Amino acid sequence: MVLLLFVDLDPGLAALRPLGGYFSLRTEEAAAGPLPTLAQAYAAPSPDVAGNPLIFRVHKVANALRVPELRVAASVAHLGLAARLWSVALGCAALYRRVPDLDPRLLHWDADAAAPDDLWLPDVRPLPGDAATLGETVLHGHLAPLATALRAHYRLAPGLLRGNAASALAGAAREFDRWARRHGRTDAAARARSLAGELLAHPLLDGAGALTGTAFRRRSCCLYYRVPGGGVCGDCCFPRPPRSSPRACSG
């Protein structure tokens, strides 16, 4: 018999802290001034760096990677935020069987910070930890409006963004699986894999790639190979960086 070990969703989400990085979420008081919510970031109409947190983040990524194409930086920024959201939600669902309410009107974002200091949830409200709730919370609540906001400013194909969302989910599941197995939490690892499989069959992700165990192969390209010195990602549709236009595998 497998003993399932789950605890109540605590206000500090302490069970996520040992996973570090992308899985952790700040729930204490914000350290420095008010931060915009992600809802505000998704709806920001300003097309300039100073007035729009998403555009600020894209330019920050572009400068860090020294990439001249802003659409490439936009894709990388999208992939990073998607990975953060999936990691928090999946980690909580696997460890607590609950997820905090990550409504974009509640979740604050520091576009100038890296994980785990970029996201802040001042009020932890528990929701069910099933795949339907995760899909509603992350896909509909965040990734759909995030994709709309980014496409309004950058030439990003819908298939690319869908592939990013699926890749971020599969990556979060893979990293959680590694951590859980190292710490003898095979119960939590199995739950994370099951949830990831259900979510990848969601209408907003279905067809974005193929999951075999914890290995994922996407059917689109995030364009990272266009970063100076970059190559193809481990789950890319390309076996090697292409020399021609990426559109054949990003639409």
Protein backbone atom coordinates (compact mmCIF):
# COMPACT_ATOMS: atom_id res chain seq x y z
CA MET A 1 0.00 0.00 0.00
CA VAL A 2 1.30 3.47 -0.90
CA LEU A 3 0.94 6.02 1.87
CA LEU A 4 -0.17 9.39 0.46
CA LEU A 5 1.28 12.25 2.45
CA PHE A 6 -0.51 15.56 2.01
CA VAL A 7 -0.81 18.53 4.33
CA ASP A 8 -3.19 21.45 4.55
CA LEU A 9 -2.47 24.48 2.39
CA ASP A 10 -0.58 26.77 4.77
CA PRO A 11 -0.43 30.57 4.48
CA GLY A 12 3.29 30.53 3.73
CA LEU A 13 3.20 27.64 1.24
CA ALA A 14 6.15 26.21 3.18
CA ALA A 15 6.10 22.88 1.33
CA LEU A 16 7.22 24.66 -1.84
CA ARG A 17 10.33 26.22 -0.32
CA PRO A 18 12.58 23.14 -0.51
CA LEU A 19 11.96 23.05 -4.27
CA GLY A 20 13.30 26.60 -4.59
CA GLY A 21 13.43 28.80 -7.64
CA TYR A 22 10.48 28.52 -9.94
CA PHE A 23 8.30 26.64 -7.45
CA SER A 24 8.47 29.05 -4.52
CA LEU A 25 5.99 31.88 -4.07
CA ARG A 26 6.26 34.89 -1.78
CA THR A 27 3.28 35.33 0.50
CA GLU A 28 4.72 37.79 3.02
CA GLU A 29 4.43 41.55 2.87
CA ALA A 30 5.94 43.13 -0.23
CA ALA A 31 9.43 44.38 0.59
CA ALA A 32 9.53 47.50 -1.57
CA GLY A 33 6.45 49.50 -2.54
CA PRO A 34 3.29 48.40 -4.33
CA LEU A 35 3.64 45.95 -7.18
CA PRO A 36 1.18 45.75 -10.09
CA THR A 37 -1.02 42.70 -10.31
CA LEU A 38 -0.67 40.41 -13.29
CA ALA A 39 -4.17 41.47 -14.34
CA GLN A 40 -2.88 45.02 -14.60
CA ALA A 41 0.17 43.85 -16.53
CA TYR A 42 -1.95 41.90 -19.02
CA ALA A 43 -4.26 44.87 -19.57
CA ALA A 44 -1.63 47.63 -19.66
CA PRO A 45 -2.34 49.66 -22.81
CA SER A 46 0.93 51.61 -22.87
CA PRO A 47 3.24 50.55 -25.72
CA ASP A 48 6.39 51.87 -24.02
CA VAL A 49 8.87 50.28 -21.63
CA ALA A 50 8.18 52.57 -18.68
CA GLY A 51 4.40 52.23 -18.75
CA ASN A 52 3.95 48.53 -19.47
CA PRO A 53 5.36 45.78 -17.18
CA LEU A 54 5.24 43.16 -19.95
CA ILE A 55 7.16 45.33 -22.41
CA PHE A 56 9.62 46.17 -19.63
CA ARG A 57 10.16 42.45 -19.02
CA VAL A 58 10.66 41.74 -22.72
CA HIS A 59 13.30 44.46 -22.99
CA LYS A 60 14.98 43.20 -19.82
CA VAL A 61 15.20 39.70 -21.34
CA ALA A 62 16.43 41.13 -24.65
CA ASN A 63 19.22 43.03 -22.89
CA ALA A 64 20.20 40.04 -20.74
CA LEU A 65 20.41 37.69 -23.74
CA ARG A 66 21.80 40.35 -26.11
CA VAL A 67 19.14 39.45 -28.64
CA PRO A 68 18.19 42.14 -31.19
CA GLU A 69 14.80 40.58 -32.11
CA LEU A 70 12.21 41.61 -29.55
CA ARG A 71 9.82 38.85 -30.62
CA VAL A 72 12.48 36.31 -29.59
CA ALA A 73 12.82 38.01 -26.20
CA ALA A 74 9.01 38.10 -25.93
CA SER A 75 8.85 34.35 -26.49
CA VAL A 76 11.53 33.68 -23.87
CA ALA A 77 9.78 36.02 -21.40
CA HIS A 78 6.47 34.25 -22.05
CA LEU A 79 8.06 30.85 -21.50
CA GLY A 80 9.61 31.99 -18.22
CA LEU A 81 6.40 33.39 -16.76
CA ALA A 82 4.44 30.33 -17.89
CA ALA A 83 7.00 28.11 -16.16
CA ARG A 84 6.64 30.10 -12.93
CA LEU A 85 2.86 29.84 -12.92
CA TRP A 86 2.80 26.12 -13.78
CA SER A 87 5.50 25.31 -11.21
CA VAL A 88 3.65 26.98 -8.34
CA ALA A 89 0.28 25.48 -9.30
CA LEU A 90 1.56 21.97 -10.03
CA GLY A 91 3.82 21.90 -6.97
CA CYS A 92 0.96 22.86 -4.69
CA ALA A 93 -1.44 20.40 -6.31
CA ALA A 94 1.04 17.55 -5.95
CA LEU A 95 2.13 18.32 -2.38
CA TYR A 96 -1.05 19.74 -0.85
CA ARG A 97 -3.83 18.43 -3.13
CA ARG A 98 -4.86 22.08 -3.11
CA VAL A 99 -3.76 25.14 -5.05
CA PRO A 100 -3.87 28.77 -3.94
CA ASP A 101 -6.20 31.07 -5.80
CA LEU A 102 -3.80 32.59 -8.35
CA ASP A 103 -6.35 34.95 -9.83
CA PRO A 104 -4.33 37.57 -11.79
CA ARG A 105 -6.13 40.28 -9.82
CA LEU A 106 -4.59 38.85 -6.63
CA LEU A 107 -1.12 37.84 -7.84
CA HIS A 108 1.40 40.67 -7.89
CA TRP A 109 4.39 40.74 -10.24
CA ASP A 110 7.77 42.47 -10.13
CA ALA A 111 8.83 42.55 -13.78
CA ASP A 112 12.37 43.52 -12.76
CA ALA A 113 12.93 40.55 -10.43
CA ALA A 114 13.82 36.90 -10.92
CA ALA A 115 12.23 33.84 -9.32
CA PRO A 116 11.25 33.47 -6.54
CA ASP A 117 11.08 37.21 -5.87
CA ASP A 118 9.02 38.08 -8.93
CA LEU A 119 5.62 36.84 -7.72
CA TRP A 120 3.80 37.81 -4.53
CA LEU A 121 0.45 36.50 -3.32
CA PRO A 122 -0.72 38.47 -0.26
CA ASP A 123 -3.69 36.20 0.52
CA VAL A 124 -3.58 32.40 0.21
CA ARG A 125 -7.07 31.13 -0.59
CA PRO A 126 -7.27 27.34 -1.16
CA LEU A 127 -8.87 25.83 -4.25
CA PRO A 128 -9.17 22.17 -5.31
CA GLY A 129 -5.98 20.67 -6.72
CA ASP A 130 -7.54 18.84 -9.67
CA ALA A 131 -6.61 19.27 -13.33
CA ALA A 132 -9.79 21.19 -14.15
CA THR A 133 -9.00 23.82 -11.51
CA LEU A 134 -5.36 24.08 -12.62
CA GLY A 135 -6.49 24.54 -16.20
CA GLU A 136 -8.95 27.26 -15.25
CA THR A 137 -6.41 28.94 -12.97
CA VAL A 138 -3.32 28.91 -15.18
CA LEU A 139 -4.50 28.47 -18.77
CA HIS A 140 -7.65 30.57 -18.76
CA GLY A 141 -6.72 32.89 -15.90
CA HIS A 142 -3.18 33.71 -17.01
CA LEU A 143 -1.78 32.24 -20.18
CA ALA A 144 -4.70 33.21 -22.43
CA PRO A 145 -4.63 36.94 -21.48
CA LEU A 146 -0.82 36.88 -21.40
CA ALA A 147 -0.71 35.56 -24.97
CA THR A 148 -3.22 38.17 -26.11
CA ALA A 149 -1.17 40.96 -24.52
CA LEU A 150 2.10 39.79 -26.05
CA ARG A 151 0.61 39.27 -29.50
CA ALA A 152 -0.68 42.84 -29.43
CA HIS A 153 2.93 44.08 -29.40
CA TYR A 154 5.04 41.30 -30.96
CA ARG A 155 4.73 38.97 -33.95
CA LEU A 156 4.25 35.73 -32.04
CA ALA A 157 2.35 32.89 -33.68
CA PRO A 158 -0.45 31.29 -31.63
CA GLY A 159 1.17 27.88 -32.10
CA LEU A 160 4.44 29.12 -30.66
CA LEU A 161 2.70 30.46 -27.56
CA ARG A 162 0.70 27.25 -27.18
CA GLY A 163 3.92 25.27 -27.48
CA ASN A 164 5.56 27.47 -24.86
CA ALA A 165 2.66 26.87 -22.46
CA ALA A 166 2.86 23.11 -22.97
CA SER A 167 6.65 23.05 -22.74
CA ALA A 168 6.57 25.04 -19.50
CA LEU A 169 4.06 22.62 -17.99
CA ALA A 170 6.05 19.56 -19.04
CA GLY A 171 9.25 21.13 -17.70
CA ALA A 172 7.65 21.90 -14.34
CA ALA A 173 6.37 18.32 -14.09
CA ARG A 174 9.79 16.94 -15.00
CA GLU A 175 11.62 19.07 -12.41
CA PHE A 176 9.07 18.23 -9.73
CA ASP A 177 9.37 14.53 -10.56
CA ARG A 178 13.15 14.67 -10.11
CA TRP A 179 12.86 16.44 -6.76
CA ALA A 180 10.10 14.15 -5.50
CA ARG A 181 11.99 10.98 -6.41
CA ARG A 182 15.17 12.23 -4.74
CA HIS A 183 13.20 12.82 -1.55
CA GLY A 184 11.19 9.61 -1.57
CA ARG A 185 7.93 11.31 -2.53
CA THR A 186 6.88 8.88 -5.24
CA ASP A 187 3.24 9.57 -4.36
CA ALA A 188 3.61 13.26 -5.16
CA ALA A 189 5.66 12.49 -8.28
CA ALA A 190 2.90 10.23 -9.60
CA ARG A 191 0.27 12.87 -8.92
CA ALA A 192 2.27 15.56 -10.74
CA ARG A 193 2.74 13.29 -13.78
CA SER A 194 -0.96 12.45 -13.84
CA LEU A 195 -1.99 16.10 -13.62
CA ALA A 196 0.47 17.10 -16.35
CA GLY A 197 -0.90 14.38 -18.64
CA GLU A 198 -4.47 15.55 -18.09
CA LEU A 199 -3.55 19.19 -18.64
CA LEU A 200 -1.64 18.50 -21.85
CA ALA A 201 -4.91 17.04 -23.20
CA HIS A 202 -6.72 20.32 -22.44
CA PRO A 203 -8.20 21.93 -25.58
CA LEU A 204 -5.83 24.88 -25.19
CA LEU A 205 -2.79 22.56 -25.18
CA ASP A 206 -3.90 19.47 -27.06
CA GLY A 207 -1.64 18.79 -30.02
CA ALA A 208 1.16 21.08 -28.82
CA GLY A 209 3.48 18.13 -28.34
CA ALA A 210 3.90 14.56 -27.19
CA LEU A 211 4.59 13.46 -23.61
CA THR A 212 6.35 10.13 -23.01
CA GLY A 213 6.90 9.54 -19.31
CA THR A 214 8.43 12.84 -18.27
CA ALA A 215 10.00 13.53 -21.68
CA PHE A 216 8.21 16.05 -23.89
CA ARG A 217 8.67 16.89 -27.57
CA ARG A 218 6.91 20.01 -28.73
CA ARG A 219 5.66 20.67 -32.26
CA SER A 220 6.74 24.30 -32.34
CA CYS A 221 9.89 26.29 -31.65
CA CYS A 222 10.32 28.98 -28.99
CA LEU A 223 12.96 30.73 -31.17
CA TYR A 224 15.70 30.44 -28.53
CA TYR A 225 18.09 29.25 -31.23
CA ARG A 226 18.01 32.82 -32.54
CA VAL A 227 19.64 34.10 -29.34
CA PRO A 228 23.36 34.78 -29.93
CA GLY A 229 25.18 31.63 -28.84
CA GLY A 230 21.90 29.80 -28.24
CA GLY A 231 20.90 26.41 -29.58
CA VAL A 232 17.78 24.30 -29.67
CA CYS A 233 16.05 23.38 -26.44
CA GLY A 234 15.79 19.77 -25.30
CA ASP A 235 12.13 19.51 -26.32
CA CYS A 236 12.37 21.47 -29.59
CA CYS A 237 10.81 20.28 -32.82
CA PHE A 238 14.18 20.96 -34.50
CA PRO A 239 17.02 18.45 -34.02
CA ARG A 240 19.50 21.25 -34.69
CA PRO A 241 19.30 25.02 -35.19
CA PRO A 242 17.71 25.68 -38.59
CA ARG A 243 19.28 27.95 -41.15
CA SER A 244 15.99 29.01 -42.71
CA SER A 245 12.95 30.84 -41.36
CA PRO A 246 11.51 29.35 -38.13
CA ARG A 247 7.91 29.86 -39.22
CA ALA A 248 7.50 26.28 -40.43
CA CYS A 249 7.72 25.11 -36.82
CA SER A 250 6.34 28.03 -34.87
CA GLY A 251 2.86 28.57 -36.26
